[in-house]
């Protein structure tokens, strides 16, 4: 048995959720990290988090586009830790193109990874949360869950879906100690955003430097007093 609470974080090997996973580690939680990357780098990250905070840290490379892979990851995590107490859904992909030029496979992939995967992890985490009468679900949505943007139809559709899905889960869990919240950040210069800069520049007919300057936070933003 693990007396500590356990958090499962998808897309945790880079970007926003790497920072979230590190913060959860500092709060003494066991963690399951999911994401892609160099195996040696990921093992170094896993062992560093475990050593620095004295917690049990597992890594699972489940492909979030595959239902069976998500189910296997959740089974392994639940069997090892006897449940998931905190679920952070962050894994996502992006493709920038006008609607009539958006490849169908890109639409399907974005909806599957950015939206459907959140349904699968949530439905599989909820039984343990309900049994304990306590759970926290945090879905990393986007400003695009609230407002539109050209050339990102699939992403905007998925993130609007996340907002609605989160509200439903919140209503269902409100009386039994389970909360669900969606965080809607603006542009953050993560690997996902960096990869879309060339496509955004092409779609808007501007340079990549201008696209970077207009759509992303600077790497070293000024401090606020």
Protein backbone atom coordinates (compact mmCIF):
# COMPACT_ATOMS: atom_id res chain seq x y z
CA UNK A 1 0.00 0.00 0.00
CA UNK A 2 1.15 3.56 -0.72
CA UNK A 3 0.13 6.07 1.97
CA UNK A 4 1.04 8.97 -0.32
CA UNK A 5 -1.41 10.25 -2.86
CA UNK A 6 -0.63 9.32 -6.45
CA UNK A 7 -0.78 11.60 -9.49
CA UNK A 8 -0.83 10.51 -13.11
CA UNK A 9 0.30 13.17 -15.56
CA UNK A 10 0.04 12.72 -19.34
CA UNK A 11 2.39 14.58 -21.65
CA UNK A 12 4.71 14.99 -18.67
CA UNK A 13 8.10 14.65 -20.35
CA UNK A 14 8.18 18.23 -21.68
CA UNK A 15 6.42 21.57 -21.63
CA UNK A 16 3.76 22.63 -19.16
CA UNK A 17 3.17 19.23 -17.62
CA UNK A 18 6.84 18.60 -16.94
CA UNK A 19 6.65 21.66 -14.69
CA UNK A 20 3.43 20.33 -13.16
CA UNK A 21 4.97 16.91 -12.52
CA UNK A 22 7.93 18.55 -10.83
CA UNK A 23 5.64 20.64 -8.62
CA UNK A 24 3.62 17.57 -7.64
CA UNK A 25 6.87 15.82 -6.78
CA UNK A 26 7.78 18.66 -4.44
CA UNK A 27 4.46 18.09 -2.68
CA UNK A 28 5.37 14.49 -1.90
CA UNK A 29 3.13 12.64 -4.34
CA UNK A 30 3.92 9.40 -6.09
CA UNK A 31 3.70 9.92 -9.82
CA UNK A 32 3.11 8.18 -13.10
CA UNK A 33 4.71 10.09 -15.95
CA UNK A 34 3.51 9.61 -19.50
CA UNK A 35 5.00 11.06 -22.65
CA UNK A 36 7.43 10.56 -25.50
CA UNK A 37 11.15 11.32 -25.67
CA UNK A 38 14.63 9.89 -25.50
CA UNK A 39 14.58 6.87 -23.17
CA UNK A 40 17.80 7.85 -21.40
CA UNK A 41 16.57 11.41 -20.81
CA UNK A 42 13.25 10.15 -19.47
CA UNK A 43 14.92 7.67 -17.13
CA UNK A 44 17.16 10.46 -15.83
CA UNK A 45 14.09 12.62 -15.24
CA UNK A 46 12.23 9.79 -13.50
CA UNK A 47 15.13 8.87 -11.22
CA UNK A 48 15.89 12.53 -10.40
CA UNK A 49 12.30 13.16 -9.33
CA UNK A 50 12.21 10.00 -7.25
CA UNK A 51 15.54 10.69 -5.57
CA UNK A 52 14.90 14.37 -4.91
CA UNK A 53 11.56 13.83 -3.24
CA UNK A 54 11.71 10.27 -1.93
CA UNK A 55 8.64 9.18 -3.86
CA UNK A 56 7.78 6.32 -6.17
CA UNK A 57 7.89 7.51 -9.79
CA UNK A 58 6.85 5.31 -12.70
CA UNK A 59 7.13 6.07 -16.40
CA UNK A 60 4.69 4.74 -18.98
CA UNK A 61 5.11 5.37 -22.69
CA UNK A 62 1.47 4.66 -23.59
CA UNK A 63 0.44 6.07 -26.96
CA UNK A 64 -2.48 8.34 -26.12
CA UNK A 65 -3.99 7.79 -29.56
CA UNK A 66 -4.67 4.12 -28.73
CA UNK A 67 -7.47 3.15 -26.36
CA UNK A 68 -5.89 -0.19 -25.49
CA UNK A 69 -2.58 1.49 -24.61
CA UNK A 70 -4.34 3.97 -22.31
CA UNK A 71 -6.27 1.16 -20.63
CA UNK A 72 -3.05 -0.81 -20.09
CA UNK A 73 -1.31 2.24 -18.61
CA UNK A 74 -4.17 2.89 -16.21
CA UNK A 75 -4.28 -0.77 -15.14
CA UNK A 76 -0.55 -0.77 -14.41
CA UNK A 77 -0.77 2.47 -12.47
CA UNK A 78 -3.81 1.42 -10.45
CA UNK A 79 -2.35 -2.02 -9.70
CA UNK A 80 0.96 -0.52 -8.55
CA UNK A 81 -0.41 2.37 -6.51
CA UNK A 82 -3.89 0.99 -5.69
CA UNK A 83 -5.51 3.85 -7.56
CA UNK A 84 -5.01 7.33 -8.98
CA UNK A 85 -5.86 10.28 -6.74
CA UNK A 86 -4.84 13.17 -8.99
CA UNK A 87 -5.19 13.04 -12.78
CA UNK A 88 -3.63 15.71 -14.98
CA UNK A 89 -4.51 15.42 -18.67
CA UNK A 90 -2.10 17.39 -20.83
CA UNK A 91 -1.01 15.24 -23.77
CA UNK A 92 -1.77 16.91 -27.07
CA UNK A 93 -0.81 17.50 -30.68
CA UNK A 94 -1.48 20.30 -33.15
CA UNK A 95 -1.65 20.89 -36.89
CA UNK A 96 -2.15 24.31 -38.48
CA UNK A 97 -4.01 24.54 -41.81
CA UNK A 98 -7.16 26.03 -43.33
CA UNK A 99 -10.21 23.80 -42.86
CA UNK A 100 -10.36 22.80 -46.53
CA UNK A 101 -6.67 21.85 -46.48
CA UNK A 102 -6.63 20.03 -43.15
CA UNK A 103 -5.80 16.34 -43.73
CA UNK A 104 -8.51 14.05 -42.41
CA UNK A 105 -5.97 11.94 -40.54
CA UNK A 106 -4.75 15.08 -38.71
CA UNK A 107 -8.32 15.92 -37.67
CA UNK A 108 -8.80 12.38 -36.37
CA UNK A 109 -5.46 12.32 -34.53
CA UNK A 110 -6.01 15.68 -32.84
CA UNK A 111 -9.51 14.78 -31.65
CA UNK A 112 -8.33 11.36 -30.47
CA UNK A 113 -5.30 12.53 -28.49
CA UNK A 114 -6.54 15.92 -27.28
CA UNK A 115 -10.10 14.93 -26.37
CA UNK A 116 -10.94 11.23 -26.49
CA UNK A 117 -7.86 10.24 -24.49
CA UNK A 118 -9.06 12.52 -21.68
CA UNK A 119 -12.34 10.62 -21.58
CA UNK A 120 -10.50 7.30 -21.27
CA UNK A 121 -8.12 8.33 -18.48
CA UNK A 122 -10.95 10.01 -16.59
CA UNK A 123 -13.40 7.13 -16.79
CA UNK A 124 -10.72 4.73 -15.59
CA UNK A 125 -9.51 6.94 -12.72
CA UNK A 126 -12.97 7.76 -11.35
CA UNK A 127 -13.88 4.42 -9.69
CA UNK A 128 -10.98 4.67 -7.20
CA UNK A 129 -11.72 8.35 -6.59
CA UNK A 130 -15.38 7.54 -5.93
CA UNK A 131 -14.43 4.71 -3.56
CA UNK A 132 -12.18 7.08 -1.57
CA UNK A 133 -14.57 10.01 -1.75
CA UNK A 134 -11.74 12.22 -2.98
CA UNK A 135 -10.13 13.04 -6.30
CA UNK A 136 -8.69 15.86 -8.35
CA UNK A 137 -8.90 16.03 -12.13
CA UNK A 138 -7.11 18.83 -13.94
CA UNK A 139 -7.43 19.11 -17.71
CA UNK A 140 -4.96 21.38 -19.48
CA UNK A 141 -7.21 22.97 -22.06
CA UNK A 142 -6.18 26.21 -23.77
CA UNK A 143 -7.35 29.71 -24.46
CA UNK A 144 -8.73 27.94 -27.52
CA UNK A 145 -11.26 26.25 -25.24
CA UNK A 146 -12.81 29.70 -24.88
CA UNK A 147 -12.06 31.58 -28.10
CA UNK A 148 -11.53 30.71 -31.74
CA UNK A 149 -8.45 30.99 -33.91
CA UNK A 150 -8.08 30.57 -37.67
CA UNK A 151 -6.29 27.55 -39.15
CA UNK A 152 -6.69 25.45 -35.97
CA UNK A 153 -10.16 23.98 -36.42
CA UNK A 154 -9.39 20.53 -35.00
CA UNK A 155 -7.49 21.88 -32.01
CA UNK A 156 -10.16 24.47 -31.21
CA UNK A 157 -12.89 21.83 -31.53
CA UNK A 158 -11.01 19.47 -29.21
CA UNK A 159 -10.31 22.14 -26.60
CA UNK A 160 -13.91 23.38 -26.63
CA UNK A 161 -14.82 19.74 -26.08
CA UNK A 162 -12.45 19.57 -23.10
CA UNK A 163 -14.18 22.56 -21.52
CA UNK A 164 -17.60 20.96 -21.85
CA UNK A 165 -16.40 17.53 -20.74
CA UNK A 166 -14.72 19.03 -17.67
CA UNK A 167 -17.91 20.84 -16.64
CA UNK A 168 -19.86 17.58 -16.84
CA UNK A 169 -17.31 15.67 -14.75
CA UNK A 170 -17.27 18.51 -12.22
CA UNK A 171 -21.04 18.35 -11.84
CA UNK A 172 -21.02 14.59 -11.41
CA UNK A 173 -18.24 14.66 -8.83
CA UNK A 174 -19.22 17.74 -6.85
CA UNK A 175 -21.18 15.93 -4.16
CA UNK A 176 -18.72 13.09 -3.63
CA UNK A 177 -15.44 14.92 -3.05
CA UNK A 178 -14.15 14.92 -6.63
CA UNK A 179 -13.30 18.17 -8.39
CA UNK A 180 -12.61 18.70 -12.08
CA UNK A 181 -11.11 21.87 -13.49
CA UNK A 182 -9.84 23.00 -16.87
CA UNK A 183 -6.82 25.29 -17.05
CA UNK A 184 -6.86 27.50 -20.15
CA UNK A 185 -3.39 29.00 -20.70
CA UNK A 186 -2.48 31.32 -23.53
CA UNK A 187 0.58 30.76 -25.69
CA UNK A 188 3.55 29.27 -23.87
CA UNK A 189 6.73 28.53 -25.79
CA UNK A 190 6.69 24.76 -25.38
CA UNK A 191 7.86 22.16 -27.94
CA UNK A 192 4.26 21.82 -29.19
CA UNK A 193 4.01 25.55 -29.91
CA UNK A 194 7.47 25.73 -31.46
CA UNK A 195 6.54 23.03 -33.96
CA UNK A 196 3.50 24.98 -35.18
CA UNK A 197 5.30 28.29 -35.78
CA UNK A 198 6.33 27.45 -39.39
CA UNK A 199 2.80 26.32 -40.31
CA UNK A 200 1.25 29.37 -38.64
CA UNK A 201 3.63 31.66 -40.52
CA UNK A 202 2.79 29.96 -43.81
CA UNK A 203 -0.98 30.09 -43.21
CA UNK A 204 -0.86 33.78 -42.23
CA UNK A 205 1.66 34.79 -44.90
CA UNK A 206 4.17 36.18 -42.39
CA UNK A 207 7.72 35.36 -41.38
CA UNK A 208 8.46 32.74 -38.74
CA UNK A 209 10.07 35.41 -36.55
CA UNK A 210 6.91 37.49 -36.66
CA UNK A 211 4.75 34.42 -36.03
CA UNK A 212 6.87 33.61 -32.98
CA UNK A 213 6.70 37.17 -31.70
CA UNK A 214 2.95 37.53 -32.14
CA UNK A 215 1.77 34.14 -30.90
CA UNK A 216 4.19 33.10 -28.17
CA UNK A 217 5.42 34.35 -24.85
CA UNK A 218 9.12 35.29 -24.88
CA UNK A 219 11.56 32.76 -23.49
CA UNK A 220 12.54 35.20 -20.76
CA UNK A 221 9.49 37.37 -20.03
CA UNK A 222 10.03 40.51 -17.99
CA UNK A 223 9.47 40.23 -14.28
CA UNK A 224 6.37 41.79 -12.77
CA UNK A 225 6.79 43.83 -9.61
